[in-house]
Amino acid sequence: MNLLKPHNVPRHVAIIMDGNGRWAQRQGEARVFGHHSGATRVREVVETAGNMGVDFLTLYAFSEENWRRPDDEVNALFSLLISYLKDEVERLHENGVRLKSIGNIDRLPPDCQEWLRLVEQRTGNNQGLTLVLALSYGARSDMVRACQSIAADVQRGFIQANEIDESLIQSRLSTSIMPEPDLLIRTSGEQRLSNFLLWEMAYTEFYFTPIHWPDFSKEDFATAISVYSDRERRFGGLISP
């Protein structure tokens, strides 16, 4: 497939990388095998997004709800994250990719936190694609923390209640570092948000595919971008004449 840029490339793409465990189980393998296979797709999609002109790519790597999974699977996911960061740091830097993270990062294992800091520092001055990893992330919790922060400032007298508006709330979210997503891609056939970027996706275009994440190729990513580019975004208004 020719991966030429479509006429309307989204500035920010968010992805729910779903289906690793089911993909592995259908092949008679442990769920962890699917996560390892899915890591290869991360590299492909990051490179393809950058080449196509996407500015921000946010990957839902580990949700708050994922802490409920068996300990061996959770530990394997964090080991895989550390391996990815170690293996990819120089590749990301050479390609001009800047790494950022959102979520309750303090809850992650200390070695994960350290590697995230190292890679964020190494790539911090890069001017290409910004890769955002959502880790121990939940949109509702993020909104609660934003509200608590604003309430504390109201109590201190720093702001008045009538000064609270959408822009203030947005500034207190962990996602204030990036624009709202233009396109959400979810793999594996599921069609729900799963507590991901709920505030930010008010006018996001959705693209659902039955392909499980370990089978989601750069060509599939380009197809999603192409479908998005053909849509008319109205943001609640009328189609332009």
Protein backbone atom coordinates (compact mmCIF):
# COMPACT_ATOMS: atom_id res chain seq x y z
CA MET A 1 0.00 0.00 0.00
CA ASN A 2 1.28 3.48 -0.83
CA LEU A 3 1.56 5.42 2.42
CA LEU A 4 1.28 8.88 0.89
CA LYS A 5 -0.13 11.60 3.11
CA PRO A 6 -3.90 12.12 2.61
CA HIS A 7 -5.12 15.65 2.01
CA ASN A 8 -6.24 16.17 5.62
CA VAL A 9 -3.91 14.64 8.21
CA PRO A 10 -5.12 14.77 11.83
CA ARG A 11 -2.86 16.74 14.12
CA HIS A 12 -3.52 14.41 17.08
CA VAL A 13 -4.31 10.69 16.90
CA ALA A 14 -5.21 8.67 19.99
CA ILE A 15 -5.19 4.86 19.98
CA ILE A 16 -6.73 2.26 22.28
CA MET A 17 -4.43 -0.68 21.54
CA ASP A 18 -6.92 -3.45 22.25
CA GLY A 19 -6.89 -7.19 21.67
CA ASN A 20 -3.39 -8.34 22.64
CA GLY A 21 -4.57 -10.97 25.11
CA ARG A 22 -7.37 -12.35 22.92
CA TRP A 23 -5.03 -12.47 19.93
CA ALA A 24 -2.58 -14.59 21.92
CA GLN A 25 -5.21 -16.90 23.38
CA ARG A 26 -6.62 -17.64 19.93
CA GLN A 27 -3.17 -18.88 19.01
CA GLY A 28 -2.90 -21.04 22.11
CA GLU A 29 -0.41 -18.70 23.76
CA ALA A 30 -0.36 -16.85 27.09
CA ARG A 31 -1.73 -13.31 27.10
CA VAL A 32 1.76 -11.92 27.67
CA PHE A 33 2.77 -13.22 24.24
CA GLY A 34 0.21 -10.88 22.71
CA HIS A 35 1.64 -7.90 24.57
CA HIS A 36 5.13 -8.69 23.27
CA SER A 37 3.81 -8.95 19.73
CA GLY A 38 1.90 -5.71 20.14
CA ALA A 39 5.08 -3.85 21.09
CA THR A 40 6.37 -4.33 17.55
CA ARG A 41 3.28 -2.55 16.22
CA VAL A 42 3.98 0.40 18.48
CA ARG A 43 7.30 0.99 16.72
CA GLU A 44 5.68 0.72 13.27
CA VAL A 45 2.80 3.05 14.08
CA VAL A 46 5.04 5.65 15.73
CA GLU A 47 7.28 5.77 12.66
CA THR A 48 4.32 5.86 10.27
CA ALA A 49 2.53 8.60 12.20
CA GLY A 50 5.65 10.75 12.14
CA ASN A 51 6.20 10.17 8.43
CA MET A 52 2.59 11.09 7.63
CA GLY A 53 2.75 14.40 9.46
CA VAL A 54 0.86 13.61 12.66
CA ASP A 55 2.01 15.95 15.46
CA PHE A 56 0.74 14.05 18.52
CA LEU A 57 0.18 10.31 19.01
CA THR A 58 -1.35 9.20 22.32
CA LEU A 59 -1.31 5.50 23.16
CA TYR A 60 -3.51 4.05 25.91
CA ALA A 61 -0.80 1.77 27.27
CA PHE A 62 -2.08 0.99 30.79
CA SER A 63 -5.36 2.11 32.33
CA GLU A 64 -6.24 2.50 36.00
CA GLU A 65 -8.53 -0.48 35.58
CA ASN A 66 -5.63 -2.62 34.33
CA TRP A 67 -4.29 -2.80 37.88
CA ARG A 68 -7.06 -5.38 38.47
CA ARG A 69 -5.39 -7.86 36.14
CA PRO A 70 -3.33 -10.78 37.52
CA ASP A 71 -0.01 -9.73 39.05
CA ASP A 72 2.05 -11.76 36.58
CA GLU A 73 0.43 -9.99 33.63
CA VAL A 74 0.85 -6.54 35.20
CA ASN A 75 4.50 -7.24 36.00
CA ALA A 76 5.08 -8.49 32.47
CA LEU A 77 3.53 -5.31 31.03
CA PHE A 78 5.87 -3.09 33.02
CA SER A 79 8.88 -5.23 32.11
CA LEU A 80 7.85 -4.85 28.49
CA LEU A 81 7.51 -1.08 28.92
CA ILE A 82 11.04 -0.84 30.33
CA SER A 83 12.40 -2.97 27.47
CA TYR A 84 10.63 -0.74 24.95
CA LEU A 85 12.06 2.43 26.51
CA LYS A 86 15.58 0.98 26.64
CA ASP A 87 15.47 -0.32 23.08
CA GLU A 88 13.77 2.67 21.49
CA VAL A 89 15.24 5.70 23.24
CA GLU A 90 17.95 6.35 20.65
CA ARG A 91 15.67 5.52 17.72
CA LEU A 92 13.07 7.95 19.04
CA HIS A 93 15.71 10.62 19.49
CA GLU A 94 17.23 10.12 16.04
CA ASN A 95 13.76 10.39 14.48
CA GLY A 96 13.01 13.61 16.35
CA VAL A 97 10.26 12.05 18.49
CA ARG A 98 9.54 13.62 21.87
CA LEU A 99 8.19 11.29 24.60
CA LYS A 100 5.68 12.46 27.21
CA SER A 101 3.53 10.54 29.70
CA ILE A 102 0.19 11.18 31.38
CA GLY A 103 -1.60 9.41 34.21
CA ASN A 104 -0.82 8.50 37.80
CA ILE A 105 2.87 7.95 37.06
CA ASP A 106 3.79 7.87 40.77
CA ARG A 107 1.96 4.55 41.05
CA LEU A 108 4.23 2.85 38.51
CA PRO A 109 7.19 0.70 39.66
CA PRO A 110 10.23 2.89 40.46
CA ASP A 111 12.31 1.51 37.58
CA CYS A 112 9.52 2.37 35.13
CA GLN A 113 9.34 5.89 36.49
CA GLU A 114 13.10 6.27 36.18
CA TRP A 115 13.18 5.11 32.56
CA LEU A 116 10.30 7.37 31.66
CA ARG A 117 12.19 10.34 33.13
CA LEU A 118 15.38 9.38 31.29
CA VAL A 119 13.67 9.05 27.91
CA GLU A 120 11.61 12.21 28.41
CA GLN A 121 14.81 14.10 29.22
CA ARG A 122 16.70 12.60 26.28
CA THR A 123 13.97 13.49 23.78
CA GLY A 124 12.68 16.64 25.46
CA ASN A 125 14.06 19.10 22.89
CA ASN A 126 12.95 17.17 19.81
CA GLN A 127 10.64 18.96 17.39
CA GLY A 128 8.97 16.06 15.56
CA LEU A 129 6.11 13.79 16.62
CA THR A 130 5.14 13.93 20.30
CA LEU A 131 4.48 10.39 21.56
CA VAL A 132 2.28 10.41 24.66
CA LEU A 133 2.00 7.24 26.75
CA ALA A 134 -1.10 7.06 28.95
CA LEU A 135 0.01 4.98 31.94
CA SER A 136 -2.08 4.20 35.01
CA TYR A 137 -4.42 6.67 33.36
CA GLY A 138 -8.14 7.20 33.90
CA ALA A 139 -10.05 10.15 32.50
CA ARG A 140 -12.43 10.40 35.45
CA SER A 141 -9.58 10.49 37.95
CA ASP A 142 -7.83 13.11 35.87
CA MET A 143 -10.96 15.28 35.95
CA VAL A 144 -11.32 14.77 39.71
CA ARG A 145 -7.73 15.93 40.27
CA ALA A 146 -8.37 18.96 38.06
CA CYS A 147 -11.48 19.86 40.07
CA GLN A 148 -9.61 19.42 43.36
CA SER A 149 -6.84 21.71 42.14
CA ILE A 150 -9.31 24.41 41.12
CA ALA A 151 -11.32 24.05 44.35
CA ALA A 152 -8.13 24.51 46.38
CA ASP A 153 -7.34 27.72 44.50
CA VAL A 154 -10.88 29.00 45.07
CA GLN A 155 -10.54 28.24 48.78
CA ARG A 156 -7.24 30.16 48.91
CA GLY A 157 -8.83 33.09 47.13
CA PHE A 158 -6.58 32.81 44.07
CA ILE A 159 -9.57 32.57 41.72
CA GLN A 160 -13.31 33.23 41.96
CA ALA A 161 -15.92 30.56 41.29
CA ASN A 162 -17.35 32.57 38.41
CA GLU A 163 -13.92 32.52 36.74
CA ILE A 164 -14.06 28.76 36.25
CA ASP A 165 -14.53 27.96 32.58
CA GLU A 166 -13.60 25.25 30.09
CA SER A 167 -10.14 26.65 29.44
CA LEU A 168 -9.32 26.66 33.16
CA ILE A 169 -10.44 23.07 33.59
CA GLN A 170 -8.45 22.05 30.51
CA SER A 171 -5.34 23.73 31.92
CA ARG A 172 -5.51 21.55 35.05
CA LEU A 173 -5.83 18.24 33.18
CA SER A 174 -2.73 16.14 32.52
CA THR A 175 -3.56 16.46 28.82
CA SER A 176 -3.00 20.23 28.81
CA ILE A 177 0.33 19.49 27.07
CA MET A 178 -1.45 18.59 23.83
CA PRO A 179 -4.38 19.53 21.59
CA GLU A 180 -7.63 17.56 21.70
CA PRO A 181 -7.56 14.36 19.62
CA ASP A 182 -8.82 14.67 16.07
CA LEU A 183 -9.05 10.91 15.60
CA LEU A 184 -9.47 7.95 17.94
CA ILE A 185 -8.55 4.49 16.68
CA ARG A 186 -9.63 1.42 18.65
CA THR A 187 -8.61 -2.05 17.55
CA SER A 188 -10.15 -5.51 18.18
CA GLY A 189 -13.77 -4.61 17.37
CA GLU A 190 -14.73 -3.06 20.70
CA GLN A 191 -16.62 0.23 20.42
CA ARG A 192 -16.29 2.14 23.68
CA LEU A 193 -13.95 4.71 25.24
CA SER A 194 -13.00 2.74 28.37
CA ASN A 195 -12.37 5.85 30.49
CA PHE A 196 -9.92 7.32 27.97
CA LEU A 197 -9.72 11.10 27.32
CA LEU A 198 -13.41 11.63 28.08
CA TRP A 199 -13.19 15.43 28.35
CA GLU A 200 -10.91 15.76 25.37
CA MET A 201 -12.95 13.68 22.90
CA ALA A 202 -16.03 15.89 22.72
CA TYR A 203 -15.60 16.27 18.94
CA THR A 204 -13.14 13.52 18.11
CA GLU A 205 -13.77 11.31 15.07
CA PHE A 206 -13.88 7.57 15.89
CA TYR A 207 -12.46 4.73 13.82
CA PHE A 208 -13.16 1.18 15.01
CA THR A 209 -11.56 -1.83 13.40
CA PRO A 210 -11.95 -5.58 14.11
CA ILE A 211 -8.20 -6.08 13.68
CA HIS A 212 -6.46 -7.00 16.93
CA TRP A 213 -3.54 -4.75 17.87
CA PRO A 214 -0.74 -7.30 17.14
CA ASP A 215 -2.06 -7.51 13.55
CA PHE A 216 -2.57 -3.75 13.14
CA SER A 217 -0.05 -2.78 10.47
CA LYS A 218 1.25 0.55 9.22
CA GLU A 219 -1.05 0.06 6.21
CA ASP A 220 -4.02 -0.27 8.57
CA PHE A 221 -2.97 2.93 10.31
CA ALA A 222 -2.74 4.71 6.96
CA THR A 223 -6.23 3.45 6.09
CA ALA A 224 -7.61 4.97 9.29
CA ILE A 225 -5.96 8.29 8.48
CA SER A 226 -7.36 8.16 4.95
CA VAL A 227 -10.90 7.50 6.23
CA TYR A 228 -10.55 10.42 8.63
CA SER A 229 -9.32 12.72 5.86
CA ASP A 230 -12.53 12.14 3.89
CA ARG A 231 -14.83 13.09 6.76
CA GLU A 232 -16.51 16.48 7.19
CA ARG A 233 -15.96 17.76 10.72
CA ARG A 234 -18.72 20.21 11.73
CA PHE A 235 -18.16 20.64 15.50
CA GLY A 236 -21.91 20.99 16.01
CA GLY A 237 -22.38 23.41 13.12
CA LEU A 238 -23.53 23.06 9.54
CA ILE A 239 -21.59 21.67 6.61
CA SER A 240 -19.84 24.43 4.74
CA PRO A 241 -21.49 25.21 1.38
